[in-house]
Amino acid sequence: MRNRAHAEQASLAQPPVRGRSGAAEPLEAEALSAFALRLAMTLGAGILLSEGLSLMAAEAEPQERALLERLAEQVDREGRPLFEALAETGYFPEHYVHMVQIGELSGRLEQVSEALAAHYRREADLQAGLRQTLFYPAMMSLVLSGVVFLILAKVLPLFERAYRELGSTLTPLAALLLRLGRALEQAGTLLAGLMAAAALAGFYLLYTRRGRARFSALMARRASRGRLGEALSRAHFASGLALMLASGIELGAAVARAGELVRSDAVRRQLEALQCRMEAGEPFPRASADVGLFTGLDAGLLSSGFQTGGAERVLQQLADRLSDEATDRMERRIGLIEPVLVALLSGVIGLVLLSVMLPLIGVLSAVG
């Protein structure tokens, strides 16, 4: 019921964002999830794809109706596959289009749509959590930066004059910070402009549709790198391969098609080596372990799955686990942002205060 409510509430196209060149930018994750879920419910009711798209268009808001009507026309009148129609709009990301292609080729578009709805719902929740996580540290950073500026530019000069009158001097660190404060004071207008620009950039990236689209694209590119990107690519590959095998598609062709979902360069190289080994007659489970695609317990489960005829189920379980692990890893990274920023800025303020107070303690001790 919760997913159904999301499908009814989320807007597929407040009109889709376009870049400076006029090219469409992908829809937000929430809209992609809503579209996939509504499509899955339509197909689950036994309605033909073209009729389902027409029904979705009839029930849609005016802003999204044109897109759905165009999809329905291309699928119904022109006889084009849905994945081609989606790709032509430019509003659907590459991963989405490839998964729909696999669903159509395998005859399991309903199951693929359900998987896409869940995937992009998780991504939408992650992006919302990221915006919430970044907002408070960003505001705190601005406030603490202002405090540091005031201490360096306004408070330290007062202490410097007081020490001079008492016949003492600042510590070398405090003197260095004093010179820094004077330089910052001279560049105060520039710094204020930079802070305002940073605040506006953050607001644009996190709270405007075009900014969120660009921020999501940036996050997707970063997520395709490193161990996180490898885990996500393996999850996408395993999920796509499970769907292809469940529909009876030959293993070699299924591996090639599922490989189109992979973004990580490292995993792509592993897949190329895997296909070479399979062409030489090596079984898929052993070849995938030899190239490092699935290792350890995963390789053992995969081997058992192929031996017992349950390869599709094992692959889907691997995909779900790898996807969950990648999401957890990303959430842990996001969760580190706030404490690291707070610790860094608090340390700077503490260092400034100590550099000022230590000489004062020495002066007071001498007076006493």
Protein backbone atom coordinates (compact mmCIF):
# COMPACT_ATOMS: atom_id res chain seq x y z
CA MET A 1 0.00 0.00 0.00
CA ARG A 2 2.86 2.36 0.78
CA ASN A 3 4.40 1.81 -2.66
CA ARG A 4 1.01 2.30 -4.30
CA ALA A 5 0.62 5.59 -2.48
CA HIS A 6 4.03 6.69 -3.68
CA ALA A 7 3.03 5.85 -7.24
CA GLU A 8 -0.11 7.91 -6.98
CA GLN A 9 1.53 10.91 -5.32
CA ALA A 10 4.81 11.23 -7.20
CA SER A 11 4.77 13.26 -10.36
CA LEU A 12 6.38 11.59 -13.36
CA ALA A 13 7.01 14.82 -15.16
CA GLN A 14 6.74 18.22 -13.74
CA PRO A 15 7.98 19.04 -17.08
CA PRO A 16 11.30 17.25 -17.40
CA VAL A 17 14.45 19.25 -16.86
CA ARG A 18 16.46 20.28 -19.89
CA GLY A 19 20.09 21.30 -19.99
CA ARG A 20 21.57 24.32 -21.67
CA SER A 21 21.79 22.49 -24.97
CA GLY A 22 18.08 21.72 -24.81
CA ALA A 23 18.68 18.00 -24.25
CA ALA A 24 16.49 16.35 -21.66
CA GLU A 25 18.03 15.37 -18.34
CA PRO A 26 16.94 12.13 -16.58
CA LEU A 27 13.93 12.23 -14.31
CA GLU A 28 14.44 12.19 -10.57
CA ALA A 29 14.57 8.85 -8.78
CA GLU A 30 11.15 9.32 -7.16
CA ALA A 31 9.49 9.90 -10.54
CA LEU A 32 11.28 6.90 -12.05
CA SER A 33 10.12 4.71 -9.17
CA ALA A 34 6.55 5.92 -9.55
CA PHE A 35 6.51 5.22 -13.29
CA ALA A 36 7.94 1.72 -12.84
CA LEU A 37 5.48 0.86 -10.07
CA ARG A 38 2.47 2.08 -12.02
CA LEU A 39 3.64 0.13 -15.07
CA ALA A 40 4.10 -3.02 -12.97
CA MET A 41 0.60 -2.68 -11.48
CA THR A 42 -0.87 -2.15 -14.95
CA LEU A 43 0.86 -5.20 -16.40
CA GLY A 44 -0.02 -7.22 -13.30
CA ALA A 45 -3.68 -6.54 -14.01
CA GLY A 46 -3.33 -8.28 -17.37
CA ILE A 47 -3.54 -5.10 -19.45
CA LEU A 48 -1.51 -4.90 -22.66
CA LEU A 49 1.50 -2.59 -22.58
CA SER A 50 0.16 -0.09 -25.13
CA GLU A 51 -3.25 0.00 -23.45
CA GLY A 52 -1.61 0.34 -20.05
CA LEU A 53 0.41 3.34 -21.19
CA SER A 54 -2.75 4.93 -22.61
CA LEU A 55 -4.58 4.36 -19.31
CA MET A 56 -1.66 5.85 -17.39
CA ALA A 57 -1.75 8.87 -19.70
CA ALA A 58 -5.49 9.33 -19.21
CA GLU A 59 -5.07 9.37 -15.42
CA ALA A 60 -1.92 11.51 -15.44
CA GLU A 61 -1.47 15.17 -14.66
CA PRO A 62 -1.42 17.46 -17.72
CA GLN A 63 2.32 17.97 -17.42
CA GLU A 64 3.14 14.27 -17.71
CA ARG A 65 0.32 13.28 -20.06
CA ALA A 66 2.20 14.32 -23.20
CA LEU A 67 5.15 12.07 -22.36
CA LEU A 68 2.95 9.04 -21.65
CA GLU A 69 0.86 9.62 -24.77
CA ARG A 70 4.03 9.78 -26.85
CA LEU A 71 5.23 6.49 -25.35
CA ALA A 72 1.85 4.85 -25.96
CA GLU A 73 1.80 6.05 -29.58
CA GLN A 74 5.28 4.75 -30.31
CA VAL A 75 4.57 1.36 -28.73
CA ASP A 76 1.07 0.93 -30.19
CA ARG A 77 1.04 2.60 -33.60
CA GLU A 78 4.71 2.40 -34.52
CA GLY A 79 5.26 -1.01 -32.93
CA ARG A 80 8.48 0.04 -31.24
CA PRO A 81 9.81 -1.69 -28.11
CA LEU A 82 9.24 0.27 -24.94
CA PHE A 83 12.95 0.52 -24.16
CA GLU A 84 13.58 2.29 -27.49
CA ALA A 85 10.75 4.73 -26.82
CA LEU A 86 12.10 5.43 -23.33
CA ALA A 87 15.64 5.96 -24.62
CA GLU A 88 14.47 8.38 -27.30
CA THR A 89 12.83 10.70 -24.77
CA GLY A 90 16.12 11.25 -22.96
CA TYR A 91 14.28 11.38 -19.64
CA PHE A 92 15.21 7.85 -18.51
CA PRO A 93 18.75 6.92 -17.41
CA GLU A 94 20.80 4.27 -19.17
CA HIS A 95 20.39 1.71 -16.38
CA TYR A 96 16.61 2.09 -16.49
CA VAL A 97 16.48 1.64 -20.28
CA HIS A 98 18.74 -1.43 -20.22
CA MET A 99 16.65 -3.08 -17.51
CA VAL A 100 13.44 -2.47 -19.47
CA GLN A 101 15.16 -3.94 -22.53
CA ILE A 102 16.01 -7.06 -20.55
CA GLY A 103 12.44 -7.24 -19.29
CA GLU A 104 11.03 -7.08 -22.80
CA LEU A 105 13.51 -9.58 -24.21
CA SER A 106 12.88 -12.01 -21.37
CA GLY A 107 9.11 -11.54 -21.25
CA ARG A 108 9.33 -10.46 -17.59
CA LEU A 109 8.67 -6.75 -17.88
CA GLU A 110 6.33 -6.80 -14.88
CA GLN A 111 8.98 -8.29 -12.59
CA VAL A 112 11.62 -5.92 -13.98
CA SER A 113 9.34 -2.94 -13.37
CA GLU A 114 8.78 -4.03 -9.77
CA ALA A 115 12.55 -4.36 -9.28
CA LEU A 116 13.12 -0.93 -10.84
CA ALA A 117 10.46 0.62 -8.61
CA ALA A 118 12.18 -0.77 -5.51
CA HIS A 119 15.65 0.22 -6.75
CA TYR A 120 14.75 3.84 -7.50
CA ARG A 121 12.67 4.12 -4.33
CA ARG A 122 15.82 3.21 -2.35
CA GLU A 123 17.79 5.71 -4.41
CA ALA A 124 15.19 8.44 -3.78
CA ASP A 125 15.26 7.73 -0.04
CA LEU A 126 19.06 7.82 -0.09
CA GLN A 127 19.08 11.17 -1.91
CA ALA A 128 16.55 12.61 0.53
CA GLY A 129 18.68 11.40 3.42
CA LEU A 130 21.75 12.91 1.80
CA ARG A 131 20.06 16.29 1.46
CA GLN A 132 18.99 16.18 5.09
CA THR A 133 22.43 15.03 6.21
CA LEU A 134 24.22 17.76 4.27
CA PHE A 135 21.90 20.62 5.25
CA TYR A 136 22.74 20.83 8.96
CA PRO A 137 26.53 20.43 8.58
CA ALA A 138 26.47 23.04 5.82
CA MET A 139 24.60 25.51 8.00
CA MET A 140 26.87 24.70 10.94
CA SER A 141 29.92 25.17 8.75
CA LEU A 142 28.73 28.62 7.71
CA VAL A 143 28.04 29.62 11.32
CA LEU A 144 31.33 28.26 12.66
CA SER A 145 33.23 29.82 9.77
CA GLY A 146 31.69 33.14 10.74
CA VAL A 147 32.73 32.58 14.36
CA VAL A 148 36.30 31.79 13.31
CA PHE A 149 36.36 34.92 11.14
CA LEU A 150 35.16 37.11 14.03
CA ILE A 151 37.73 35.62 16.42
CA LEU A 152 40.60 36.09 13.99
CA ALA A 153 39.62 39.49 12.64
CA LYS A 154 38.07 41.18 15.71
CA VAL A 155 38.92 39.35 18.94
CA LEU A 156 42.61 38.56 18.41
CA PRO A 157 43.56 42.21 17.78
CA LEU A 158 41.99 43.11 21.15
CA PHE A 159 44.08 40.46 22.91
CA GLU A 160 47.19 41.59 21.05
CA ARG A 161 46.75 45.17 22.31
CA ALA A 162 46.00 43.96 25.84
CA TYR A 163 49.13 41.79 25.89
CA ARG A 164 51.24 44.64 24.57
CA GLU A 165 49.99 46.91 27.37
CA LEU A 166 50.83 44.20 29.90
CA GLY A 167 54.32 43.83 28.46
CA SER A 168 53.67 40.40 26.98
CA THR A 169 53.33 39.06 23.46
CA LEU A 170 51.22 36.52 21.66
CA THR A 171 52.52 33.04 21.01
CA PRO A 172 54.01 32.47 17.53
CA LEU A 173 50.87 30.57 16.53
CA ALA A 174 48.60 33.34 17.79
CA ALA A 175 50.73 35.94 15.99
CA LEU A 176 50.41 33.94 12.79
CA LEU A 177 46.65 33.72 13.27
CA LEU A 178 46.54 37.47 13.93
CA ARG A 179 48.20 38.17 10.59
CA LEU A 180 45.77 35.76 8.97
CA GLY A 181 42.87 37.58 10.64
CA ARG A 182 44.04 40.94 9.32
CA ALA A 183 44.28 39.48 5.82
CA LEU A 184 40.79 38.02 6.16
CA GLU A 185 39.43 41.35 7.36
CA GLN A 186 40.82 43.08 4.29
CA ALA A 187 39.19 40.43 2.11
CA GLY A 188 35.95 40.43 4.12
CA THR A 189 33.72 41.46 1.22
CA LEU A 190 35.20 38.78 -1.02
CA LEU A 191 34.80 36.11 1.68
CA ALA A 192 31.19 37.13 2.31
CA GLY A 193 30.54 36.84 -1.41
CA LEU A 194 32.15 33.39 -1.55
CA MET A 195 30.10 32.17 1.42
CA ALA A 196 26.91 33.50 -0.15
CA ALA A 197 27.82 31.81 -3.44
CA ALA A 198 28.48 28.53 -1.61
CA ALA A 199 25.12 28.78 0.16
CA LEU A 200 23.32 29.47 -3.13
CA ALA A 201 25.15 26.59 -4.84
CA GLY A 202 24.15 24.22 -2.04
CA PHE A 203 20.54 25.35 -2.23
CA TYR A 204 20.57 24.91 -6.02
CA LEU A 205 22.02 21.39 -5.88
CA LEU A 206 19.82 20.12 -3.05
CA TYR A 207 16.50 21.95 -3.36
CA THR A 208 15.86 22.75 -7.05
CA ARG A 209 14.77 20.22 -9.67
CA ARG A 210 17.57 21.00 -12.12
CA GLY A 211 20.13 21.05 -9.34
CA ARG A 212 18.92 17.72 -7.95
CA ALA A 213 19.13 16.20 -11.43
CA ARG A 214 22.73 17.32 -11.81
CA PHE A 215 23.59 16.30 -8.26
CA SER A 216 22.08 12.85 -8.87
CA ALA A 217 24.10 12.49 -12.08
CA LEU A 218 27.26 13.45 -10.18
CA MET A 219 26.49 10.94 -7.43
CA ALA A 220 25.84 8.23 -10.05
CA ARG A 221 29.22 8.88 -11.68
CA ARG A 222 31.00 8.75 -8.33
CA ALA A 223 29.07 5.62 -7.35
CA SER A 224 30.39 3.86 -10.46
CA ARG A 225 33.96 4.11 -9.13
CA GLY A 226 35.84 2.20 -6.47
CA ARG A 227 34.57 -0.71 -4.44
CA LEU A 228 31.12 0.81 -4.10
CA GLY A 229 30.77 1.04 -7.87
CA GLU A 230 32.00 -2.53 -8.28
CA ALA A 231 29.44 -3.82 -5.78
CA LEU A 232 26.61 -1.95 -7.51
CA SER A 233 27.73 -3.18 -10.93
CA ARG A 234 27.87 -6.79 -9.73
CA ALA A 235 24.39 -6.39 -8.24
CA HIS A 236 23.00 -5.01 -11.50
CA PHE A 237 24.70 -7.76 -13.51
CA ALA A 238 23.43 -10.54 -11.24
CA SER A 239 19.88 -9.18 -11.27
CA GLY A 240 19.82 -8.83 -15.05
CA LEU A 241 21.34 -12.28 -15.55
CA ALA A 242 18.77 -13.85 -13.22
CA LEU A 243 15.90 -12.36 -15.23
CA MET A 244 17.41 -13.48 -18.54
CA LEU A 245 18.03 -17.05 -17.36
CA ALA A 246 14.54 -17.29 -15.84
CA SER A 247 13.09 -16.56 -19.28
CA GLY A 248 15.12 -19.34 -20.91
CA ILE A 249 17.66 -17.18 -22.75
CA GLU A 250 20.94 -18.97 -23.51
CA LEU A 251 23.64 -18.33 -20.89
CA GLY A 252 26.22 -16.73 -23.20
CA ALA A 253 23.69 -14.30 -24.66
CA ALA A 254 22.32 -13.58 -21.19
CA VAL A 255 25.80 -12.71 -19.88
CA ALA A 256 26.38 -10.34 -22.81
CA ARG A 257 23.02 -8.60 -22.32
CA ALA A 258 23.33 -8.34 -18.55
CA GLY A 259 26.82 -6.93 -18.99
CA GLU A 260 25.29 -3.81 -20.55
CA LEU A 261 24.08 -2.85 -17.06
CA VAL A 262 27.63 -2.63 -15.71
CA ARG A 263 29.17 0.83 -15.17
CA SER A 264 32.37 -0.08 -13.33
CA ASP A 265 35.40 -0.39 -15.62
CA ALA A 266 36.92 -3.03 -13.33
CA VAL A 267 33.81 -5.22 -13.52
CA ARG A 268 33.63 -4.73 -17.29
CA ARG A 269 37.15 -6.10 -17.61
CA GLN A 270 36.18 -9.07 -15.44
CA LEU A 271 33.18 -9.73 -17.69
CA GLU A 272 35.36 -9.64 -20.79
CA ALA A 273 37.68 -12.21 -19.21
CA LEU A 274 34.65 -14.23 -18.11
CA GLN A 275 33.24 -14.38 -21.62
CA CYS A 276 36.60 -15.46 -23.02
CA ARG A 277 36.78 -18.32 -20.51
CA MET A 278 33.20 -19.36 -21.25
CA GLU A 279 33.95 -19.41 -24.98
CA ALA A 280 36.85 -21.73 -24.18
CA GLY A 281 34.41 -24.12 -22.50
CA GLU A 282 34.85 -23.21 -18.83
CA PRO A 283 31.62 -23.37 -16.75
CA PHE A 284 30.18 -20.04 -15.66
CA PRO A 285 30.53 -20.55 -11.87
CA ARG A 286 34.20 -21.53 -12.10
CA ALA A 287 34.98 -18.83 -14.68
CA SER A 288 33.31 -16.12 -12.58
CA ALA A 289 35.37 -17.19 -9.56
CA ASP A 290 38.62 -17.32 -11.56
CA VAL A 291 38.21 -13.75 -12.86
CA GLY A 292 37.18 -12.46 -9.42
CA LEU A 293 33.61 -11.54 -10.32
CA PHE A 294 32.02 -13.69 -7.59
CA THR A 295 34.38 -15.13 -4.99
CA GLY A 296 34.32 -16.92 -1.66
CA LEU A 297 30.87 -17.77 -0.35
CA ASP A 298 29.21 -16.11 -3.34
CA ALA A 299 31.09 -18.39 -5.74
CA GLY A 300 30.09 -21.46 -3.70
CA LEU A 301 26.43 -20.47 -3.68
CA LEU A 302 26.53 -19.79 -7.40
CA SER A 303 28.09 -23.19 -8.12
CA SER A 304 25.44 -24.92 -6.01
CA GLY A 305 22.71 -22.97 -7.77
CA PHE A 306 23.84 -24.03 -11.24
CA GLN A 307 24.23 -27.66 -10.13
CA THR A 308 20.74 -27.81 -8.60
CA GLY A 309 18.91 -25.81 -11.26
CA GLY A 310 18.34 -22.82 -9.00
CA ALA A 311 20.79 -20.41 -10.64
CA GLU A 312 18.18 -17.69 -11.14
CA ARG A 313 17.16 -17.68 -7.48
CA VAL A 314 20.79 -17.63 -6.26
CA LEU A 315 21.70 -14.81 -8.65
CA GLN A 316 18.76 -12.71 -7.48
CA GLN A 317 19.71 -13.31 -3.85
CA LEU A 318 23.28 -12.24 -4.63
CA ALA A 319 21.97 -9.14 -6.40
CA ASP A 320 19.75 -8.18 -3.46
CA ARG A 321 22.54 -8.67 -0.93
CA LEU A 322 25.14 -6.79 -2.96
CA SER A 323 22.71 -3.93 -3.53
CA ASP A 324 21.88 -3.72 0.18
CA GLU A 325 25.58 -3.80 1.11
CA ALA A 326 26.36 -1.01 -1.37
CA THR A 327 23.49 1.09 -0.03
CA ASP A 328 24.64 0.54 3.57
CA ARG A 329 28.20 1.48 2.65
CA MET A 330 27.02 4.68 0.98
CA GLU A 331 24.85 5.58 3.97
CA ARG A 332 27.81 5.06 6.31
CA ARG A 333 29.93 7.38 4.18
CA ILE A 334 27.21 10.01 4.19
CA GLY A 335 26.84 9.65 7.95
CA LEU A 336 30.52 10.54 8.41
CA ILE A 337 30.10 13.97 6.83
CA GLU A 338 28.50 15.71 9.81
CA PRO A 339 30.83 14.52 12.60
CA VAL A 340 33.94 15.13 10.47
CA LEU A 341 32.89 18.69 9.64
CA VAL A 342 31.93 19.44 13.24
CA ALA A 343 35.17 17.98 14.59
CA LEU A 344 37.28 19.89 12.06
CA LEU A 345 35.69 23.28 12.68
CA SER A 346 35.52 22.76 16.44
CA GLY A 347 39.21 21.86 16.41
CA VAL A 348 40.04 25.08 14.56
CA ILE A 349 38.10 27.17 17.09
CA GLY A 350 39.70 25.32 20.00
CA LEU A 351 43.18 25.85 18.55
CA VAL A 352 42.54 29.58 18.16
CA LEU A 353 41.23 29.93 21.70
CA LEU A 354 44.12 27.96 23.20
CA SER A 355 46.68 30.02 21.33
CA VAL A 356 45.12 33.14 22.85
CA MET A 357 44.38 31.91 26.37
CA LEU A 358 47.73 30.27 27.14
CA PRO A 359 49.66 33.57 27.10
CA LEU A 360 46.88 35.14 29.16
CA ILE A 361 47.24 32.42 31.78
CA GLY A 362 50.97 33.12 31.87
CA VAL A 363 50.39 36.84 32.36
CA LEU A 364 47.85 36.27 35.13
CA SER A 365 50.24 33.87 36.87
CA ALA A 366 53.03 36.46 36.73
CA VAL A 367 50.75 39.18 38.10
CA GLY A 368 49.58 36.88 40.87
